[in-house]
Amino acid sequence: MEIHRLGSRAVACYLIKDDGIILVDGGMPGWGKRLVQQMSGLGFDPADVALLVVTHGHWDHTGSVAALKEATGCQVAIDHREVERLEVPVKVTPPGVNLWGKLMSLLNRLYMPLVRFPGVRPDVVFENRDFPLQPFGVSGSVLHTPGHTMGSVSVLLETGDAFVGDLAMNGLPLRIGPGMPPLAEDAVAVKDSWRLLLEKGAKRIYPAHGQPFGTEVLERAL
């Protein structure tokens, strides 16, 4: 199993190589060429990507999904609650769960009219059950982990590595250290999803914003 971070220091996508290759999240608008070049620079043929799992329908995760689908020929997968945000795309900012989050939410709403990117129709739509990744050559599954948005999902590998999108974050400018995202539709659901990941055997968290960290951080926060 290989795990490679793509994108930038501020926003991460992940390439997972097992028997097959999948991507987690599609990054910011205008990143299609950058992400393809990063994959090629790591020695991967972008055409070998079988599936792109979108953890949720916010613009910094969906902005280059259309470009990646065109460049790789991969299937695109997202939870049924997030489909409209991917297809239209709808630009939604979740509410803040603390003072910093509320300020970020306000600034984000002011910035949204400037953001432009194409929508894309998903090939796979997750319902309310675990989705196995073995058909795509990866030992793991996709879990419904609501909280940041109510259609958020996480990719959990059999190794215990969990790719959670914005279910948790780690580091400035979003927060100091790992833990609760400052923006979430339901903060209680965030912690319930943390519990689910722990029950399912998660050992290491890979957030879209910040560096990976051990699940003991989540255990202490519950």
C-alpha atoms as a PDB file:
ATOM      1  CA  MET A   1       0.000   0.000   0.000  1.00  0.00           C
ATOM      2  CA  GLU A   2       1.304   3.437  -0.971  1.00  0.00           C
ATOM      3  CA  ILE A   3      -0.113   6.792   0.141  1.00  0.00           C
ATOM      4  CA  HIS A   4       0.885  10.009  -1.594  1.00  0.00           C
ATOM      5  CA  ARG A   5      -0.239  13.534  -0.774  1.00  0.00           C
ATOM      6  CA  LEU A   6      -1.120  15.735  -3.747  1.00  0.00           C
ATOM      7  CA  GLY A   7      -2.239  19.356  -3.990  1.00  0.00           C
ATOM      8  CA  SER A   8      -0.658  21.987  -1.766  1.00  0.00           C
ATOM      9  CA  ARG A   9       0.338  22.542   1.858  1.00  0.00           C
ATOM     10  CA  ALA A  10      -3.063  24.124   2.519  1.00  0.00           C
ATOM     11  CA  VAL A  11      -5.339  21.682   0.689  1.00  0.00           C
ATOM     12  CA  ALA A  12      -4.553  17.993   0.237  1.00  0.00           C
ATOM     13  CA  CYS A  13      -5.793  15.328  -2.110  1.00  0.00           C
ATOM     14  CA  TYR A  14      -4.490  11.794  -1.717  1.00  0.00           C
ATOM     15  CA  LEU A  15      -3.401   9.091  -4.133  1.00  0.00           C
ATOM     16  CA  ILE A  16      -3.736   5.557  -2.759  1.00  0.00           C
ATOM     17  CA  LYS A  17      -1.909   2.746  -4.581  1.00  0.00           C
ATOM     18  CA  ASP A  18      -2.690  -0.849  -3.756  1.00  0.00           C
ATOM     19  CA  ASP A  19      -3.391  -3.380  -6.497  1.00  0.00           C
ATOM     20  CA  GLY A  20      -5.249  -0.473  -8.092  1.00  0.00           C
ATOM     21  CA  ILE A  21      -5.129   3.314  -7.741  1.00  0.00           C
ATOM     22  CA  ILE A  22      -7.771   5.654  -6.358  1.00  0.00           C
ATOM     23  CA  LEU A  23      -7.810   9.358  -5.521  1.00  0.00           C
ATOM     24  CA  VAL A  24      -9.437  11.019  -2.530  1.00  0.00           C
ATOM     25  CA  ASP A  25     -10.840  14.472  -3.366  1.00  0.00           C
ATOM     26  CA  GLY A  26     -10.427  16.651  -6.434  1.00  0.00           C
ATOM     27  CA  GLY A  27      -8.836  19.781  -5.027  1.00  0.00           C
ATOM     28  CA  MET A  28      -9.251  23.464  -5.804  1.00  0.00           C
ATOM     29  CA  PRO A  29     -10.576  24.943  -9.064  1.00  0.00           C
ATOM     30  CA  GLY A  30      -7.856  25.075 -11.720  1.00  0.00           C
ATOM     31  CA  TRP A  31      -5.805  22.257 -10.200  1.00  0.00           C
ATOM     32  CA  GLY A  32      -6.406  19.621 -12.871  1.00  0.00           C
ATOM     33  CA  LYS A  33      -3.072  20.063 -14.645  1.00  0.00           C
ATOM     34  CA  ARG A  34      -1.197  20.410 -11.334  1.00  0.00           C
ATOM     35  CA  LEU A  35      -2.582  17.155  -9.925  1.00  0.00           C
ATOM     36  CA  VAL A  36      -1.922  15.229 -13.131  1.00  0.00           C
ATOM     37  CA  GLN A  37       1.665  16.530 -13.182  1.00  0.00           C
ATOM     38  CA  GLN A  38       2.130  15.555  -9.541  1.00  0.00           C
ATOM     39  CA  MET A  39       0.920  12.027 -10.247  1.00  0.00           C
ATOM     40  CA  SER A  40       3.229  11.725 -13.250  1.00  0.00           C
ATOM     41  CA  GLY A  41       6.125  13.120 -11.201  1.00  0.00           C
ATOM     42  CA  LEU A  42       5.613  10.313  -8.686  1.00  0.00           C
ATOM     43  CA  GLY A  43       5.854   7.770 -11.482  1.00  0.00           C
ATOM     44  CA  PHE A  44       2.146   7.026 -11.892  1.00  0.00           C
ATOM     45  CA  ASP A  45       0.189   6.966 -15.118  1.00  0.00           C
ATOM     46  CA  PRO A  46      -2.922   9.116 -14.475  1.00  0.00           C
ATOM     47  CA  ALA A  47      -4.843   6.786 -16.802  1.00  0.00           C
ATOM     48  CA  ASP A  48      -4.439   4.043 -14.145  1.00  0.00           C
ATOM     49  CA  VAL A  49      -6.639   5.910 -11.636  1.00  0.00           C
ATOM     50  CA  ALA A  50      -9.818   3.844 -11.317  1.00  0.00           C
ATOM     51  CA  LEU A  51     -11.887   5.933  -8.910  1.00  0.00           C
ATOM     52  CA  LEU A  52     -12.005   9.426  -7.430  1.00  0.00           C
ATOM     53  CA  VAL A  53     -13.826   9.541  -4.075  1.00  0.00           C
ATOM     54  CA  VAL A  54     -15.124  13.013  -3.219  1.00  0.00           C
ATOM     55  CA  THR A  55     -15.403  13.289   0.563  1.00  0.00           C
ATOM     56  CA  HIS A  56     -17.997  16.086   0.339  1.00  0.00           C
ATOM     57  CA  GLY A  57     -19.305  18.720  -2.012  1.00  0.00           C
ATOM     58  CA  HIS A  58     -17.365  21.852  -1.057  1.00  0.00           C
ATOM     59  CA  TRP A  59     -15.533  23.774  -3.774  1.00  0.00           C
ATOM     60  CA  ASP A  60     -12.013  23.100  -2.453  1.00  0.00           C
ATOM     61  CA  HIS A  61     -12.708  19.365  -2.830  1.00  0.00           C
ATOM     62  CA  THR A  62     -14.719  19.401  -6.066  1.00  0.00           C
ATOM     63  CA  GLY A  63     -13.096  22.247  -8.021  1.00  0.00           C
ATOM     64  CA  SER A  64     -10.981  20.061 -10.313  1.00  0.00           C
ATOM     65  CA  VAL A  65     -13.020  16.848 -10.310  1.00  0.00           C
ATOM     66  CA  ALA A  66     -14.277  17.465 -13.848  1.00  0.00           C
ATOM     67  CA  ALA A  67     -10.735  18.075 -15.113  1.00  0.00           C
ATOM     68  CA  LEU A  68      -9.406  14.956 -13.374  1.00  0.00           C
ATOM     69  CA  LYS A  69     -12.187  12.796 -14.762  1.00  0.00           C
ATOM     70  CA  GLU A  70     -11.397  14.034 -18.258  1.00  0.00           C
ATOM     71  CA  ALA A  71      -7.642  13.560 -17.838  1.00  0.00           C
ATOM     72  CA  THR A  72      -7.731  10.107 -16.225  1.00  0.00           C
ATOM     73  CA  GLY A  73     -10.975   8.524 -17.375  1.00  0.00           C
ATOM     74  CA  CYS A  74     -11.693   7.539 -13.760  1.00  0.00           C
ATOM     75  CA  GLN A  75     -15.111   7.053 -12.197  1.00  0.00           C
ATOM     76  CA  VAL A  76     -16.264   9.729  -9.746  1.00  0.00           C
ATOM     77  CA  ALA A  77     -18.022   8.792  -6.510  1.00  0.00           C
ATOM     78  CA  ILE A  78     -19.865  10.904  -3.928  1.00  0.00           C
ATOM     79  CA  ASP A  79     -22.592  10.497  -1.303  1.00  0.00           C
ATOM     80  CA  HIS A  80     -26.179  10.928  -2.517  1.00  0.00           C
ATOM     81  CA  ARG A  81     -26.648  13.948  -0.232  1.00  0.00           C
ATOM     82  CA  GLU A  82     -23.822  15.786  -1.999  1.00  0.00           C
ATOM     83  CA  VAL A  83     -24.653  15.016  -5.641  1.00  0.00           C
ATOM     84  CA  GLU A  84     -26.240  18.388  -6.400  1.00  0.00           C
ATOM     85  CA  ARG A  85     -23.201  20.223  -5.035  1.00  0.00           C
ATOM     86  CA  LEU A  86     -21.007  18.296  -7.466  1.00  0.00           C
ATOM     87  CA  GLU A  87     -23.223  18.538 -10.528  1.00  0.00           C
ATOM     88  CA  VAL A  88     -24.357  22.178 -10.467  1.00  0.00           C
ATOM     89  CA  PRO A  89     -22.029  22.988  -8.606  1.00  0.00           C
ATOM     90  CA  VAL A  90     -23.641  24.589  -5.553  1.00  0.00           C
ATOM     91  CA  LYS A  91     -21.202  26.665  -3.501  1.00  0.00           C
ATOM     92  CA  VAL A  92     -22.107  26.165   0.151  1.00  0.00           C
ATOM     93  CA  THR A  93     -20.291  27.366   3.261  1.00  0.00           C
ATOM     94  CA  PRO A  94     -21.050  25.483   6.492  1.00  0.00           C
ATOM     95  CA  PRO A  95     -21.645  27.404   9.715  1.00  0.00           C
ATOM     96  CA  GLY A  96     -18.880  28.030  12.204  1.00  0.00           C
ATOM     97  CA  VAL A  97     -18.759  25.967  15.396  1.00  0.00           C
ATOM     98  CA  ASN A  98     -16.664  28.564  17.251  1.00  0.00           C
ATOM     99  CA  LEU A  99     -15.810  32.258  16.921  1.00  0.00           C
ATOM    100  CA  TRP A 100     -12.977  31.648  14.456  1.00  0.00           C
ATOM    101  CA  GLY A 101     -15.192  29.363  12.425  1.00  0.00           C
ATOM    102  CA  LYS A 102     -17.971  31.944  12.260  1.00  0.00           C
ATOM    103  CA  LEU A 103     -15.512  34.540  10.961  1.00  0.00           C
ATOM    104  CA  MET A 104     -14.182  32.072   8.387  1.00  0.00           C
ATOM    105  CA  SER A 105     -17.728  31.263   7.302  1.00  0.00           C
ATOM    106  CA  LEU A 106     -18.469  34.951   6.757  1.00  0.00           C
ATOM    107  CA  LEU A 107     -15.276  35.523   4.758  1.00  0.00           C
ATOM    108  CA  ASN A 108     -15.952  32.416   2.686  1.00  0.00           C
ATOM    109  CA  ARG A 109     -19.449  33.575   1.760  1.00  0.00           C
ATOM    110  CA  LEU A 110     -18.033  36.918   0.601  1.00  0.00           C
ATOM    111  CA  TYR A 111     -15.472  35.115  -1.570  1.00  0.00           C
ATOM    112  CA  MET A 112     -17.863  32.597  -3.126  1.00  0.00           C
ATOM    113  CA  PRO A 113     -19.138  34.804  -5.994  1.00  0.00           C
ATOM    114  CA  LEU A 114     -15.579  34.883  -7.373  1.00  0.00           C
ATOM    115  CA  VAL A 115     -15.263  31.083  -7.555  1.00  0.00           C
ATOM    116  CA  ARG A 116     -15.989  29.410 -10.897  1.00  0.00           C
ATOM    117  CA  PHE A 117     -15.566  25.761 -11.904  1.00  0.00           C
ATOM    118  CA  PRO A 118     -17.487  23.157 -13.916  1.00  0.00           C
ATOM    119  CA  GLY A 119     -19.786  20.583 -12.417  1.00  0.00           C
ATOM    120  CA  VAL A 120     -19.634  16.879 -13.199  1.00  0.00           C
ATOM    121  CA  ARG A 121     -22.098  13.990 -12.991  1.00  0.00           C
ATOM    122  CA  PRO A 122     -20.939  11.207 -10.623  1.00  0.00           C
ATOM    123  CA  ASP A 123     -20.623   7.621 -11.776  1.00  0.00           C
ATOM    124  CA  VAL A 124     -21.056   6.111  -8.312  1.00  0.00           C
ATOM    125  CA  VAL A 125     -23.462   7.436  -5.671  1.00  0.00           C
ATOM    126  CA  PHE A 126     -23.063   6.170  -2.102  1.00  0.00           C
ATOM    127  CA  GLU A 127     -26.188   5.285  -0.164  1.00  0.00           C
ATOM    128  CA  ASN A 128     -26.469   4.604   3.583  1.00  0.00           C
ATOM    129  CA  ARG A 129     -24.075   1.677   3.743  1.00  0.00           C
ATOM    130  CA  ASP A 130     -20.353   0.943   3.570  1.00  0.00           C
ATOM    131  CA  PHE A 131     -18.966   0.859   0.042  1.00  0.00           C
ATOM    132  CA  PRO A 132     -16.154  -1.659  -0.609  1.00  0.00           C
ATOM    133  CA  LEU A 133     -13.145  -0.513  -2.611  1.00  0.00           C
ATOM    134  CA  GLN A 134     -11.870  -3.992  -3.472  1.00  0.00           C
ATOM    135  CA  PRO A 135     -13.468  -3.842  -6.973  1.00  0.00           C
ATOM    136  CA  PHE A 136     -11.162  -0.873  -7.637  1.00  0.00           C
ATOM    137  CA  GLY A 137      -8.095  -2.715  -6.387  1.00  0.00           C
ATOM    138  CA  VAL A 138      -7.857  -1.105  -2.924  1.00  0.00           C
ATOM    139  CA  SER A 139      -8.250  -2.921   0.410  1.00  0.00           C
ATOM    140  CA  GLY A 140     -10.665  -0.678   2.263  1.00  0.00           C
ATOM    141  CA  SER A 141     -14.090   0.897   2.160  1.00  0.00           C
ATOM    142  CA  VAL A 142     -15.964   4.186   2.093  1.00  0.00           C
ATOM    143  CA  LEU A 143     -17.936   5.046   5.241  1.00  0.00           C
ATOM    144  CA  HIS A 144     -20.670   7.628   5.744  1.00  0.00           C
ATOM    145  CA  THR A 145     -19.175  10.040   8.299  1.00  0.00           C
ATOM    146  CA  PRO A 146     -21.513  13.049   8.589  1.00  0.00           C
ATOM    147  CA  GLY A 147     -20.783  16.189  10.543  1.00  0.00           C
ATOM    148  CA  HIS A 148     -18.815  18.656   8.471  1.00  0.00           C
ATOM    149  CA  THR A 149     -21.584  18.134   5.939  1.00  0.00           C
ATOM    150  CA  MET A 150     -24.363  15.608   6.323  1.00  0.00           C
ATOM    151  CA  GLY A 151     -23.166  13.715   3.251  1.00  0.00           C
ATOM    152  CA  SER A 152     -19.473  13.589   4.197  1.00  0.00           C
ATOM    153  CA  VAL A 153     -17.676  10.287   3.706  1.00  0.00           C
ATOM    154  CA  SER A 154     -14.297   8.886   4.703  1.00  0.00           C
ATOM    155  CA  VAL A 155     -12.059   6.299   3.075  1.00  0.00           C
ATOM    156  CA  LEU A 156     -10.844   3.738   5.626  1.00  0.00           C
ATOM    157  CA  LEU A 157      -8.135   1.316   4.529  1.00  0.00           C
ATOM    158  CA  GLU A 158      -7.549  -2.089   6.091  1.00  0.00           C
ATOM    159  CA  THR A 159      -4.240  -0.664   7.337  1.00  0.00           C
ATOM    160  CA  GLY A 160      -6.165   1.725   9.626  1.00  0.00           C
ATOM    161  CA  ASP A 161      -5.382   4.805   7.527  1.00  0.00           C
ATOM    162  CA  ALA A 162      -8.458   7.055   7.320  1.00  0.00           C
ATOM    163  CA  PHE A 163      -8.909   9.848   4.768  1.00  0.00           C
ATOM    164  CA  VAL A 164     -11.547  12.079   6.296  1.00  0.00           C
ATOM    165  CA  GLY A 165     -11.838  15.223   4.187  1.00  0.00           C
ATOM    166  CA  ASP A 166     -12.857  17.979   6.620  1.00  0.00           C
ATOM    167  CA  LEU A 167     -14.170  15.740   9.413  1.00  0.00           C
ATOM    168  CA  ALA A 168     -11.007  16.757  11.272  1.00  0.00           C
ATOM    169  CA  MET A 169      -8.306  19.336  10.597  1.00  0.00           C
ATOM    170  CA  ASN A 170      -4.768  19.958  11.735  1.00  0.00           C
ATOM    171  CA  GLY A 171      -2.959  23.260  11.728  1.00  0.00           C
ATOM    172  CA  LEU A 172      -3.104  26.916  10.786  1.00  0.00           C
ATOM    173  CA  PRO A 173      -4.910  28.826   9.425  1.00  0.00           C
ATOM    174  CA  LEU A 174      -7.915  26.616  10.150  1.00  0.00           C
ATOM    175  CA  ARG A 175      -7.008  25.629  13.692  1.00  0.00           C
ATOM    176  CA  ILE A 176      -4.054  25.193  16.037  1.00  0.00           C
ATOM    177  CA  GLY A 177      -3.234  21.501  16.215  1.00  0.00           C
ATOM    178  CA  PRO A 178      -5.412  18.542  15.254  1.00  0.00           C
ATOM    179  CA  GLY A 179      -9.079  18.206  16.137  1.00  0.00           C
ATOM    180  CA  MET A 180     -12.568  19.550  15.461  1.00  0.00           C
ATOM    181  CA  PRO A 181     -13.079  21.455  12.195  1.00  0.00           C
ATOM    182  CA  PRO A 182     -14.036  25.101  12.835  1.00  0.00           C
ATOM    183  CA  LEU A 183     -16.792  24.737  10.216  1.00  0.00           C
ATOM    184  CA  ALA A 184     -19.443  22.029  10.463  1.00  0.00           C
ATOM    185  CA  GLU A 185     -23.121  21.504   9.822  1.00  0.00           C
ATOM    186  CA  ASP A 186     -23.409  19.352  12.965  1.00  0.00           C
ATOM    187  CA  ALA A 187     -20.630  19.290  15.573  1.00  0.00           C
ATOM    188  CA  VAL A 188     -22.308  16.456  17.507  1.00  0.00           C
ATOM    189  CA  ALA A 189     -22.375  14.325  14.356  1.00  0.00           C
ATOM    190  CA  VAL A 190     -18.650  15.043  13.839  1.00  0.00           C
ATOM    191  CA  LYS A 191     -17.826  13.302  17.115  1.00  0.00           C
ATOM    192  CA  ASP A 192     -20.235  10.457  16.387  1.00  0.00           C
ATOM    193  CA  SER A 193     -18.354   9.917  13.121  1.00  0.00           C
ATOM    194  CA  TRP A 194     -15.047   9.966  14.981  1.00  0.00           C
ATOM    195  CA  ARG A 195     -16.423   7.185  17.198  1.00  0.00           C
ATOM    196  CA  LEU A 196     -17.442   5.194  14.134  1.00  0.00           C
ATOM    197  CA  LEU A 197     -13.958   5.457  12.640  1.00  0.00           C
ATOM    198  CA  LEU A 198     -12.399   4.326  15.914  1.00  0.00           C
ATOM    199  CA  GLU A 199     -14.822   1.401  16.179  1.00  0.00           C
ATOM    200  CA  LYS A 200     -13.954   0.405  12.600  1.00  0.00           C
ATOM    201  CA  GLY A 201     -10.234   0.313  13.394  1.00  0.00           C
ATOM    202  CA  ALA A 202      -8.894   3.705  12.248  1.00  0.00           C
ATOM    203  CA  LYS A 203      -5.359   4.329  13.508  1.00  0.00           C
ATOM    204  CA  ARG A 204      -4.187   7.367  11.550  1.00  0.00           C
ATOM    205  CA  ILE A 205      -6.154  10.352  10.256  1.00  0.00           C
ATOM    206  CA  TYR A 206      -5.371  12.049   6.933  1.00  0.00           C
ATOM    207  CA  PRO A 207      -7.209  15.402   6.808  1.00  0.00           C
ATOM    208  CA  ALA A 208      -7.635  17.543   3.724  1.00  0.00           C
ATOM    209  CA  HIS A 209      -6.246  20.504   5.658  1.00  0.00           C
ATOM    210  CA  GLY A 210      -3.103  19.843   7.668  1.00  0.00           C
ATOM    211  CA  GLN A 211      -0.810  16.921   8.356  1.00  0.00           C
ATOM    212  CA  PRO A 212      -1.799  13.360   9.329  1.00  0.00           C
ATOM    213  CA  PHE A 213      -2.112  12.506  13.008  1.00  0.00           C
ATOM    214  CA  GLY A 214      -2.862   9.530  15.255  1.00  0.00           C
ATOM    215  CA  THR A 215      -6.379   8.675  16.363  1.00  0.00           C
ATOM    216  CA  GLU A 216      -5.418   9.087  20.014  1.00  0.00           C
ATOM    217  CA  VAL A 217      -6.154  12.786  19.404  1.00  0.00           C
ATOM    218  CA  LEU A 218      -9.776  11.916  18.626  1.00  0.00           C
ATOM    219  CA  GLU A 219     -10.007   9.529  21.561  1.00  0.00           C
ATOM    220  CA  ARG A 220      -8.926  12.278  23.986  1.00  0.00           C
ATOM    221  CA  ALA A 221     -11.453  14.732  22.516  1.00  0.00           C
ATOM    222  CA  LEU A 222     -14.446  12.395  22.940  1.00  0.00           C
END
